[in-house]
Amino acid sequence: MIKVVRGNPTPEELAAALAVVRARAAAAEGAGPVGPPPPPGWSDPARIARRETRRPGPRAWARTYWPG
């Protein structure tokens, strides 16, 4: 429903405004989801977690402290 809030439009002006609203509604209906495209696979943080990581050994904390 369209409601004229101010002014007194002619029938031609009202028909033109209605045509624009209908055209935009039809374009939005067939456009699909609006928003940013999904990120490519190479930038996906979950890509890192897909492979199994090695578990640290029992003395890993000591080896991280000493250089070499």
N, C-alpha and C. Protein backbone atom coordinates (compact mmCIF):
# COMPACT_ATOMS: atom_id res chain seq x y z
N MET A 1 0.84 -1.17 0.00
CA MET A 1 0.00 0.00 0.00
C MET A 1 0.89 1.24 0.00
N ILE A 2 0.54 2.19 -0.81
CA ILE A 2 1.28 3.44 -0.89
C ILE A 2 0.38 4.54 -0.36
N LYS A 3 0.98 5.37 0.47
CA LYS A 3 0.22 6.46 1.09
C LYS A 3 0.93 7.77 0.78
N VAL A 4 0.21 8.75 0.27
CA VAL A 4 0.77 10.06 0.00
C VAL A 4 0.71 10.86 1.29
N VAL A 5 1.88 11.27 1.78
CA VAL A 5 1.95 11.98 3.04
C VAL A 5 1.84 13.48 2.83
N ARG A 6 2.49 14.00 1.79
CA ARG A 6 2.46 15.43 1.51
C ARG A 6 2.17 15.67 0.04
N GLY A 7 1.58 16.79 -0.22
CA GLY A 7 1.35 17.19 -1.60
C GLY A 7 0.09 16.57 -2.18
N ASN A 8 -0.11 16.86 -3.42
CA ASN A 8 -1.27 16.36 -4.14
C ASN A 8 -0.79 15.89 -5.51
N PRO A 9 -0.30 14.65 -5.63
CA PRO A 9 0.24 14.19 -6.91
C PRO A 9 -0.86 13.97 -7.94
N THR A 10 -0.48 14.18 -9.17
CA THR A 10 -1.41 13.89 -10.28
C THR A 10 -1.45 12.39 -10.46
N PRO A 11 -2.46 11.88 -11.15
CA PRO A 11 -2.52 10.43 -11.41
C PRO A 11 -1.30 9.92 -12.17
N GLU A 12 -0.75 10.75 -13.06
CA GLU A 12 0.44 10.33 -13.81
C GLU A 12 1.66 10.22 -12.89
N GLU A 13 1.81 11.16 -11.97
CA GLU A 13 2.93 11.10 -11.03
C GLU A 13 2.80 9.91 -10.10
N LEU A 14 1.60 9.63 -9.67
CA LEU A 14 1.37 8.48 -8.80
C LEU A 14 1.64 7.17 -9.54
N ALA A 15 1.23 7.11 -10.81
CA ALA A 15 1.48 5.91 -11.61
C ALA A 15 2.99 5.72 -11.84
N ALA A 16 3.72 6.81 -12.06
CA ALA A 16 5.16 6.70 -12.26
C ALA A 16 5.85 6.21 -10.98
N ALA A 17 5.45 6.74 -9.84
CA ALA A 17 6.03 6.31 -8.57
C ALA A 17 5.72 4.84 -8.30
N LEU A 18 4.52 4.41 -8.60
CA LEU A 18 4.14 3.02 -8.40
C LEU A 18 4.91 2.10 -9.34
N ALA A 19 5.17 2.55 -10.56
CA ALA A 19 5.95 1.74 -11.51
C ALA A 19 7.38 1.54 -11.00
N VAL A 20 7.95 2.58 -10.43
CA VAL A 20 9.30 2.47 -9.89
C VAL A 20 9.33 1.49 -8.71
N VAL A 21 8.35 1.60 -7.84
CA VAL A 21 8.31 0.71 -6.67
C VAL A 21 8.13 -0.74 -7.12
N ARG A 22 7.27 -0.98 -8.10
CA ARG A 22 7.06 -2.35 -8.58
C ARG A 22 8.30 -2.89 -9.26
N ALA A 23 8.98 -2.06 -10.03
CA ALA A 23 10.20 -2.51 -10.72
C ALA A 23 11.29 -2.86 -9.71
N ARG A 24 11.43 -2.06 -8.68
CA ARG A 24 12.46 -2.36 -7.66
C ARG A 24 12.11 -3.62 -6.89
N ALA A 25 10.83 -3.82 -6.61
CA ALA A 25 10.41 -5.04 -5.89
C ALA A 25 10.66 -6.28 -6.74
N ALA A 26 10.39 -6.19 -8.04
CA ALA A 26 10.63 -7.32 -8.92
C ALA A 26 12.13 -7.61 -9.05
N ALA A 27 12.95 -6.57 -9.09
CA ALA A 27 14.40 -6.77 -9.19
C ALA A 27 14.95 -7.37 -7.90
N ALA A 28 14.44 -6.93 -6.77
CA ALA A 28 14.91 -7.46 -5.49
C ALA A 28 14.47 -8.90 -5.29
N GLU A 29 13.35 -9.28 -5.84
CA GLU A 29 12.85 -10.64 -5.69
C GLU A 29 13.74 -11.65 -6.40
N GLY A 30 14.25 -11.29 -7.55
CA GLY A 30 15.07 -12.22 -8.32
C GLY A 30 16.56 -12.05 -8.09
N ALA A 31 16.95 -11.11 -7.25
CA ALA A 31 18.37 -10.82 -7.07
C ALA A 31 19.07 -11.84 -6.18
N GLY A 32 18.39 -12.46 -5.26
CA GLY A 32 19.02 -13.40 -4.36
C GLY A 32 19.50 -12.70 -3.10
N PRO A 33 20.34 -13.37 -2.32
CA PRO A 33 20.78 -12.78 -1.05
C PRO A 33 21.68 -11.56 -1.30
N VAL A 34 21.50 -10.57 -0.47
CA VAL A 34 22.29 -9.36 -0.56
C VAL A 34 23.30 -9.36 0.57
N GLY A 35 24.53 -9.06 0.27
CA GLY A 35 25.57 -9.03 1.28
C GLY A 35 26.91 -9.30 0.65
N PRO A 36 27.93 -9.30 1.46
CA PRO A 36 29.26 -9.54 0.91
C PRO A 36 29.40 -10.99 0.46
N PRO A 37 30.20 -11.23 -0.57
CA PRO A 37 30.39 -12.61 -1.02
C PRO A 37 31.18 -13.40 0.02
N PRO A 38 31.03 -14.70 0.04
CA PRO A 38 31.78 -15.50 1.01
C PRO A 38 33.28 -15.42 0.71
N PRO A 39 34.11 -15.52 1.73
CA PRO A 39 35.55 -15.43 1.51
C PRO A 39 36.05 -16.65 0.75
N PRO A 40 37.11 -16.50 -0.02
CA PRO A 40 37.65 -17.66 -0.72
C PRO A 40 38.24 -18.68 0.26
N GLY A 41 38.42 -19.88 -0.21
CA GLY A 41 38.87 -20.96 0.66
C GLY A 41 40.24 -20.75 1.27
N TRP A 42 41.13 -20.06 0.57
CA TRP A 42 42.49 -19.91 1.10
C TRP A 42 42.54 -19.01 2.32
N SER A 43 41.54 -18.13 2.50
CA SER A 43 41.55 -17.25 3.66
C SER A 43 40.66 -17.77 4.79
N ASP A 44 40.15 -18.95 4.65
CA ASP A 44 39.27 -19.53 5.67
C ASP A 44 40.09 -20.00 6.86
N PRO A 45 39.84 -19.47 8.08
CA PRO A 45 40.62 -19.91 9.24
C PRO A 45 40.42 -21.37 9.57
N ALA A 46 39.28 -21.94 9.21
CA ALA A 46 39.04 -23.35 9.50
C ALA A 46 39.94 -24.26 8.68
N ARG A 47 40.55 -23.72 7.63
CA ARG A 47 41.44 -24.52 6.79
C ARG A 47 42.62 -25.04 7.60
N ILE A 48 43.08 -24.26 8.55
CA ILE A 48 44.23 -24.65 9.36
C ILE A 48 43.88 -25.84 10.26
N ALA A 49 42.66 -25.87 10.75
CA ALA A 49 42.26 -26.91 11.71
C ALA A 49 41.87 -28.21 11.03
N ARG A 50 41.87 -28.26 9.72
CA ARG A 50 41.44 -29.49 9.04
C ARG A 50 42.45 -30.62 9.20
N ARG A 51 43.71 -30.28 9.24
CA ARG A 51 44.71 -31.34 9.38
C ARG A 51 45.03 -31.54 10.87
N GLU A 52 45.43 -32.74 11.18
CA GLU A 52 45.73 -33.06 12.57
C GLU A 52 47.11 -32.52 12.93
N THR A 53 47.19 -31.84 14.03
CA THR A 53 48.47 -31.31 14.48
C THR A 53 49.13 -32.31 15.42
N ARG A 54 50.45 -32.26 15.45
CA ARG A 54 51.17 -33.16 16.34
C ARG A 54 51.04 -32.68 17.77
N ARG A 55 50.94 -33.60 18.69
CA ARG A 55 50.81 -33.26 20.10
C ARG A 55 52.20 -33.09 20.70
N PRO A 56 52.37 -32.13 21.58
CA PRO A 56 53.69 -31.93 22.20
C PRO A 56 54.04 -33.09 23.13
N GLY A 57 55.35 -33.33 23.27
CA GLY A 57 55.83 -34.40 24.13
C GLY A 57 55.80 -33.99 25.59
N PRO A 58 56.23 -34.89 26.48
CA PRO A 58 56.17 -34.62 27.91
C PRO A 58 57.11 -33.50 28.36
N ARG A 59 58.22 -33.25 27.65
CA ARG A 59 59.14 -32.19 28.05
C ARG A 59 59.14 -31.04 27.06
N ALA A 60 58.04 -30.83 26.38
CA ALA A 60 57.97 -29.77 25.37
C ALA A 60 58.11 -28.40 26.01
N TRP A 61 57.64 -28.25 27.22
CA TRP A 61 57.73 -26.93 27.87
C TRP A 61 59.19 -26.55 28.11
N ALA A 62 60.06 -27.52 28.41
CA ALA A 62 61.48 -27.23 28.66
C ALA A 62 62.20 -26.91 27.35
N ARG A 63 61.82 -27.58 26.28
CA ARG A 63 62.47 -27.34 25.00
C ARG A 63 62.09 -26.00 24.38
N THR A 64 60.96 -25.46 24.74
CA THR A 64 60.58 -24.17 24.18
C THR A 64 61.36 -23.04 24.82
N TYR A 65 61.88 -23.28 26.03
CA TYR A 65 62.63 -22.23 26.73
C TYR A 65 64.06 -22.12 26.23
N TRP A 66 64.73 -23.25 26.04
CA TRP A 66 66.16 -23.24 25.66
C TRP A 66 66.29 -23.05 24.16
N PRO A 67 67.18 -22.14 23.76
CA PRO A 67 67.39 -21.94 22.32
C PRO A 67 68.10 -23.14 21.71
N GLY A 68 67.80 -23.38 20.45
CA GLY A 68 68.50 -24.44 19.74
C GLY A 68 67.77 -25.66 19.68
